[in-house]
């Protein structure tokens, strides 16, 4: 079911969304100050590409 959901998601615009996040991540990584933000944008791009089956994990500090 995850495969079918992800396939429909990619065909309906998920690929464009992930590509956009990836490009923004690259732009932010051009500066030293932006690298932490860029790394997070790459994580968002992965979830934007394959949202079905991803798990949200709460981190306690």
PDB file of N, CA and C in Angstrom:
ATOM      1  N   UNK A   1       0.823  -1.187   0.000  1.00  0.00           N
ATOM      2  CA  UNK A   1       0.000   0.000   0.000  1.00  0.00           C
ATOM      3  C   UNK A   1       0.872   1.258   0.000  1.00  0.00           C
ATOM      4  N   UNK A   2       2.024   1.197   0.717  1.00  0.00           N
ATOM      5  CA  UNK A   2       2.919   2.353   0.730  1.00  0.00           C
ATOM      6  C   UNK A   2       3.439   2.655  -0.666  1.00  0.00           C
ATOM      7  N   UNK A   3       3.773   1.597  -1.421  1.00  0.00           N
ATOM      8  CA  UNK A   3       4.294   1.795  -2.768  1.00  0.00           C
ATOM      9  C   UNK A   3       3.266   2.495  -3.650  1.00  0.00           C
ATOM     10  N   UNK A   4       2.021   2.039  -3.598  1.00  0.00           N
ATOM     11  CA  UNK A   4       0.970   2.637  -4.423  1.00  0.00           C
ATOM     12  C   UNK A   4       0.719   4.092  -4.010  1.00  0.00           C
ATOM     13  N   UNK A   5       0.667   4.355  -2.728  1.00  0.00           N
ATOM     14  CA  UNK A   5       0.471   5.726  -2.247  1.00  0.00           C
ATOM     15  C   UNK A   5       1.601   6.639  -2.671  1.00  0.00           C
ATOM     16  N   UNK A   6       2.835   6.167  -2.536  1.00  0.00           N
ATOM     17  CA  UNK A   6       3.988   6.976  -2.947  1.00  0.00           C
ATOM     18  C   UNK A   6       4.012   7.198  -4.451  1.00  0.00           C
ATOM     19  N   UNK A   7       3.630   6.194  -5.227  1.00  0.00           N
ATOM     20  CA  UNK A   7       3.604   6.336  -6.684  1.00  0.00           C
ATOM     21  C   UNK A   7       2.582   7.387  -7.108  1.00  0.00           C
ATOM     22  N   UNK A   8       1.391   7.333  -6.544  1.00  0.00           N
ATOM     23  CA  UNK A   8       0.368   8.332  -6.854  1.00  0.00           C
ATOM     24  C   UNK A   8       0.829   9.713  -6.422  1.00  0.00           C
ATOM     25  N   UNK A   9       1.458   9.794  -5.245  1.00  0.00           N
ATOM     26  CA  UNK A   9       1.959  11.070  -4.727  1.00  0.00           C
ATOM     27  C   UNK A   9       3.004  11.668  -5.672  1.00  0.00           C
ATOM     28  N   UNK A  10       3.938  10.868  -6.134  1.00  0.00           N
ATOM     29  CA  UNK A  10       4.992  11.356  -7.030  1.00  0.00           C
ATOM     30  C   UNK A  10       4.389  11.844  -8.337  1.00  0.00           C
ATOM     31  N   UNK A  11       3.436  11.116  -8.883  1.00  0.00           N
ATOM     32  CA  UNK A  11       2.819  11.494 -10.150  1.00  0.00           C
ATOM     33  C   UNK A  11       1.961  12.757 -10.034  1.00  0.00           C
ATOM     34  N   UNK A  12       1.431  13.034  -8.854  1.00  0.00           N
ATOM     35  CA  UNK A  12       0.548  14.194  -8.663  1.00  0.00           C
ATOM     36  C   UNK A  12       1.283  15.424  -8.136  1.00  0.00           C
ATOM     37  N   UNK A  13       2.587  15.447  -8.210  1.00  0.00           N
ATOM     38  CA  UNK A  13       3.311  16.654  -7.834  1.00  0.00           C
ATOM     39  C   UNK A  13       4.327  16.491  -6.735  1.00  0.00           C
ATOM     40  N   UNK A  14       4.451  15.337  -6.166  1.00  0.00           N
ATOM     41  CA  UNK A  14       5.426  15.125  -5.103  1.00  0.00           C
ATOM     42  C   UNK A  14       6.860  15.259  -5.587  1.00  0.00           C
ATOM     43  N   UNK A  15       7.096  14.876  -6.825  1.00  0.00           N
ATOM     44  CA  UNK A  15       8.441  14.989  -7.392  1.00  0.00           C
ATOM     45  C   UNK A  15       8.849  16.454  -7.527  1.00  0.00           C
ATOM     46  N   UNK A  16       7.935  17.283  -7.996  1.00  0.00           N
ATOM     47  CA  UNK A  16       8.233  18.719  -8.129  1.00  0.00           C
ATOM     48  C   UNK A  16       8.471  19.358  -6.768  1.00  0.00           C
ATOM     49  N   UNK A  17       7.688  18.959  -5.789  1.00  0.00           N
ATOM     50  CA  UNK A  17       7.863  19.493  -4.444  1.00  0.00           C
ATOM     51  C   UNK A  17       9.226  19.107  -3.874  1.00  0.00           C
ATOM     52  N   UNK A  18       9.593  17.839  -4.019  1.00  0.00           N
ATOM     53  CA  UNK A  18      10.887  17.380  -3.511  1.00  0.00           C
ATOM     54  C   UNK A  18      12.039  18.055  -4.249  1.00  0.00           C
ATOM     55  N   UNK A  19      11.895  18.227  -5.553  1.00  0.00           N
ATOM     56  CA  UNK A  19      12.922  18.910  -6.331  1.00  0.00           C
ATOM     57  C   UNK A  19      13.091  20.357  -5.872  1.00  0.00           C
ATOM     58  N   UNK A  20      11.990  21.013  -5.587  1.00  0.00           N
ATOM     59  CA  UNK A  20      12.051  22.383  -5.080  1.00  0.00           C
ATOM     60  C   UNK A  20      12.781  22.471  -3.746  1.00  0.00           C
ATOM     61  N   UNK A  21      12.471  21.564  -2.826  1.00  0.00           N
ATOM     62  CA  UNK A  21      13.150  21.552  -1.531  1.00  0.00           C
ATOM     63  C   UNK A  21      14.638  21.260  -1.695  1.00  0.00           C
ATOM     64  N   UNK A  22      14.970  20.384  -2.639  1.00  0.00           N
ATOM     65  CA  UNK A  22      16.363  20.027  -2.868  1.00  0.00           C
ATOM     66  C   UNK A  22      17.148  21.222  -3.409  1.00  0.00           C
ATOM     67  N   UNK A  23      16.548  21.962  -4.332  1.00  0.00           N
ATOM     68  CA  UNK A  23      17.209  23.142  -4.893  1.00  0.00           C
ATOM     69  C   UNK A  23      17.406  24.210  -3.822  1.00  0.00           C
ATOM     70  N   UNK A  24      16.392  24.418  -3.000  1.00  0.00           N
ATOM     71  CA  UNK A  24      16.514  25.395  -1.908  1.00  0.00           C
ATOM     72  C   UNK A  24      17.600  24.957  -0.933  1.00  0.00           C
ATOM     73  N   UNK A  25      17.682  23.657  -0.658  1.00  0.00           N
ATOM     74  CA  UNK A  25      18.738  23.145   0.224  1.00  0.00           C
ATOM     75  C   UNK A  25      20.121  23.415  -0.340  1.00  0.00           C
ATOM     76  N   UNK A  26      20.281  23.236  -1.646  1.00  0.00           N
ATOM     77  CA  UNK A  26      21.567  23.531  -2.275  1.00  0.00           C
ATOM     78  C   UNK A  26      21.917  25.009  -2.171  1.00  0.00           C
ATOM     79  N   UNK A  27      20.926  25.867  -2.373  1.00  0.00           N
ATOM     80  CA  UNK A  27      21.179  27.309  -2.283  1.00  0.00           C
ATOM     81  C   UNK A  27      21.582  27.709  -0.868  1.00  0.00           C
ATOM     82  N   UNK A  28      20.925  27.154   0.121  1.00  0.00           N
ATOM     83  CA  UNK A  28      21.255  27.484   1.507  1.00  0.00           C
ATOM     84  C   UNK A  28      22.628  26.947   1.908  1.00  0.00           C
ATOM     85  N   UNK A  29      23.051  25.848   1.310  1.00  0.00           N
ATOM     86  CA  UNK A  29      24.357  25.275   1.650  1.00  0.00           C
ATOM     87  C   UNK A  29      25.517  26.041   1.021  1.00  0.00           C
ATOM     88  N   UNK A  30      25.237  27.053   0.245  1.00  0.00           N
ATOM     89  CA  UNK A  30      26.306  27.850  -0.361  1.00  0.00           C
ATOM     90  C   UNK A  30      27.029  28.714   0.661  1.00  0.00           C
ATOM     91  N   UNK A  31      26.410  28.956   1.801  1.00  0.00           N
ATOM     92  CA  UNK A  31      27.051  29.754   2.845  1.00  0.00           C
ATOM     93  C   UNK A  31      27.286  28.880   4.068  1.00  0.00           C
ATOM     94  N   UNK A  32      28.241  29.252   4.866  1.00  0.00           N
ATOM     95  CA  UNK A  32      28.553  28.488   6.076  1.00  0.00           C
ATOM     96  C   UNK A  32      27.398  28.573   7.069  1.00  0.00           C
ATOM     97  N   UNK A  33      26.788  29.729   7.169  1.00  0.00           N
ATOM     98  CA  UNK A  33      25.690  29.920   8.122  1.00  0.00           C
ATOM     99  C   UNK A  33      24.461  29.122   7.696  1.00  0.00           C
ATOM    100  N   UNK A  34      24.261  28.934   6.392  1.00  0.00           N
ATOM    101  CA  UNK A  34      23.076  28.258   5.896  1.00  0.00           C
ATOM    102  C   UNK A  34      23.158  26.750   5.857  1.00  0.00           C
ATOM    103  N   UNK A  35      24.314  26.160   6.124  1.00  0.00           N
ATOM    104  CA  UNK A  35      24.468  24.704   6.026  1.00  0.00           C
ATOM    105  C   UNK A  35      23.507  23.937   6.940  1.00  0.00           C
ATOM    106  N   UNK A  36      23.312  24.327   8.205  1.00  0.00           N
ATOM    107  CA  UNK A  36      22.350  23.584   9.025  1.00  0.00           C
ATOM    108  C   UNK A  36      20.928  23.639   8.464  1.00  0.00           C
ATOM    109  N   UNK A  37      20.557  24.789   7.903  1.00  0.00           N
ATOM    110  CA  UNK A  37      19.233  24.901   7.296  1.00  0.00           C
ATOM    111  C   UNK A  37      19.149  24.041   6.043  1.00  0.00           C
ATOM    112  N   UNK A  38      20.192  24.056   5.237  1.00  0.00           N
ATOM    113  CA  UNK A  38      20.225  23.262   4.017  1.00  0.00           C
ATOM    114  C   UNK A  38      20.082  21.776   4.298  1.00  0.00           C
ATOM    115  N   UNK A  39      20.741  21.301   5.350  1.00  0.00           N
ATOM    116  CA  UNK A  39      20.635  19.890   5.712  1.00  0.00           C
ATOM    117  C   UNK A  39      19.199  19.524   6.075  1.00  0.00           C
ATOM    118  N   UNK A  40      18.513  20.410   6.768  1.00  0.00           N
ATOM    119  CA  UNK A  40      17.123  20.147   7.129  1.00  0.00           C
ATOM    120  C   UNK A  40      16.221  20.168   5.904  1.00  0.00           C
ATOM    121  N   UNK A  41      16.522  21.032   4.931  1.00  0.00           N
ATOM    122  CA  UNK A  41      15.746  21.072   3.703  1.00  0.00           C
ATOM    123  C   UNK A  41      15.883  19.764   2.928  1.00  0.00           C
ATOM    124  N   UNK A  42      17.055  19.134   2.983  1.00  0.00           N
ATOM    125  CA  UNK A  42      17.228  17.839   2.325  1.00  0.00           C
ATOM    126  C   UNK A  42      16.371  16.766   3.003  1.00  0.00           C
ATOM    127  N   UNK A  43      16.245  16.843   4.322  1.00  0.00           N
ATOM    128  CA  UNK A  43      15.383  15.895   5.037  1.00  0.00           C
ATOM    129  C   UNK A  43      13.922  16.111   4.658  1.00  0.00           C
ATOM    130  N   UNK A  44      13.511  17.377   4.536  1.00  0.00           N
ATOM    131  CA  UNK A  44      12.141  17.682   4.130  1.00  0.00           C
ATOM    132  C   UNK A  44      11.893  17.179   2.710  1.00  0.00           C
ATOM    133  N   UNK A  45      12.893  17.302   1.849  1.00  0.00           N
ATOM    134  CA  UNK A  45      12.751  16.832   0.464  1.00  0.00           C
ATOM    135  C   UNK A  45      12.513  15.333   0.422  1.00  0.00           C
ATOM    136  N   UNK A  46      13.174  14.594   1.293  1.00  0.00           N
ATOM    137  CA  UNK A  46      12.979  13.146   1.317  1.00  0.00           C
ATOM    138  C   UNK A  46      11.555  12.797   1.739  1.00  0.00           C
ATOM    139  N   UNK A  47      11.047  13.490   2.739  1.00  0.00           N
ATOM    140  CA  UNK A  47       9.677  13.231   3.185  1.00  0.00           C
ATOM    141  C   UNK A  47       8.677  13.717   2.134  1.00  0.00           C
ATOM    142  N   UNK A  48       9.003  14.809   1.435  1.00  0.00           N
ATOM    143  CA  UNK A  48       8.111  15.299   0.385  1.00  0.00           C
ATOM    144  C   UNK A  48       8.072  14.336  -0.798  1.00  0.00           C
ATOM    145  N   UNK A  49       9.143  13.596  -1.014  1.00  0.00           N
ATOM    146  CA  UNK A  49       9.179  12.650  -2.124  1.00  0.00           C
ATOM    147  C   UNK A  49       8.451  11.351  -1.784  1.00  0.00           C
ATOM    148  N   UNK A  50       8.678  10.826  -0.602  1.00  0.00           N
ATOM    149  CA  UNK A  50       8.071   9.553  -0.192  1.00  0.00           C
ATOM    150  C   UNK A  50       7.397   9.697   1.173  1.00  0.00           C
ATOM    151  N   UNK A  51       6.219  10.330   1.227  1.00  0.00           N
ATOM    152  CA  UNK A  51       5.595  10.580   2.536  1.00  0.00           C
ATOM    153  C   UNK A  51       4.945   9.344   3.165  1.00  0.00           C
ATOM    154  N   UNK A  52       4.507   8.406   2.354  1.00  0.00           N
ATOM    155  CA  UNK A  52       3.827   7.239   2.899  1.00  0.00           C
ATOM    156  C   UNK A  52       4.855   6.232   3.396  1.00  0.00           C
ATOM    157  N   UNK A  53       4.734   5.865   4.648  1.00  0.00           N
ATOM    158  CA  UNK A  53       5.681   4.947   5.262  1.00  0.00           C
ATOM    159  C   UNK A  53       6.704   5.658   6.121  1.00  0.00           C
ATOM    160  N   UNK A  54       6.770   6.986   6.029  1.00  0.00           N
ATOM    161  CA  UNK A  54       7.697   7.749   6.875  1.00  0.00           C
ATOM    162  C   UNK A  54       7.109   7.826   8.285  1.00  0.00           C
ATOM    163  N   UNK A  55       7.965   7.803   9.272  1.00  0.00           N
ATOM    164  CA  UNK A  55       7.516   7.859  10.649  1.00  0.00           C
ATOM    165  C   UNK A  55       8.004   9.132  11.310  1.00  0.00           C
ATOM    166  N   UNK A  56       7.144   9.762  12.061  1.00  0.00           N
ATOM    167  CA  UNK A  56       7.522  10.938  12.835  1.00  0.00           C
ATOM    168  C   UNK A  56       8.035  10.449  14.193  1.00  0.00           C
ATOM    169  N   UNK A  57       9.193  10.912  14.557  1.00  0.00           N
ATOM    170  CA  UNK A  57       9.817  10.496  15.815  1.00  0.00           C
ATOM    171  C   UNK A  57      10.024  11.720  16.674  1.00  0.00           C
ATOM    172  N   UNK A  58       9.540  11.681  17.887  1.00  0.00           N
ATOM    173  CA  UNK A  58       9.721  12.801  18.801  1.00  0.00           C
ATOM    174  C   UNK A  58      11.026  12.604  19.561  1.00  0.00           C
ATOM    175  N   UNK A  59      11.869  13.614  19.525  1.00  0.00           N
ATOM    176  CA  UNK A  59      13.169  13.535  20.183  1.00  0.00           C
ATOM    177  C   UNK A  59      13.091  14.322  21.484  1.00  0.00           C
ATOM    178  N   UNK A  60      13.484  13.679  22.577  1.00  0.00           N
ATOM    179  CA  UNK A  60      13.506  14.348  23.883  1.00  0.00           C
ATOM    180  C   UNK A  60      14.940  14.716  24.224  1.00  0.00           C
ATOM    181  N   UNK A  61      15.142  15.950  24.577  1.00  0.00           N
ATOM    182  CA  UNK A  61      16.485  16.392  24.955  1.00  0.00           C
ATOM    183  C   UNK A  61      16.581  16.578  26.436  1.00  0.00           C
TER     184      UNK A  61
END
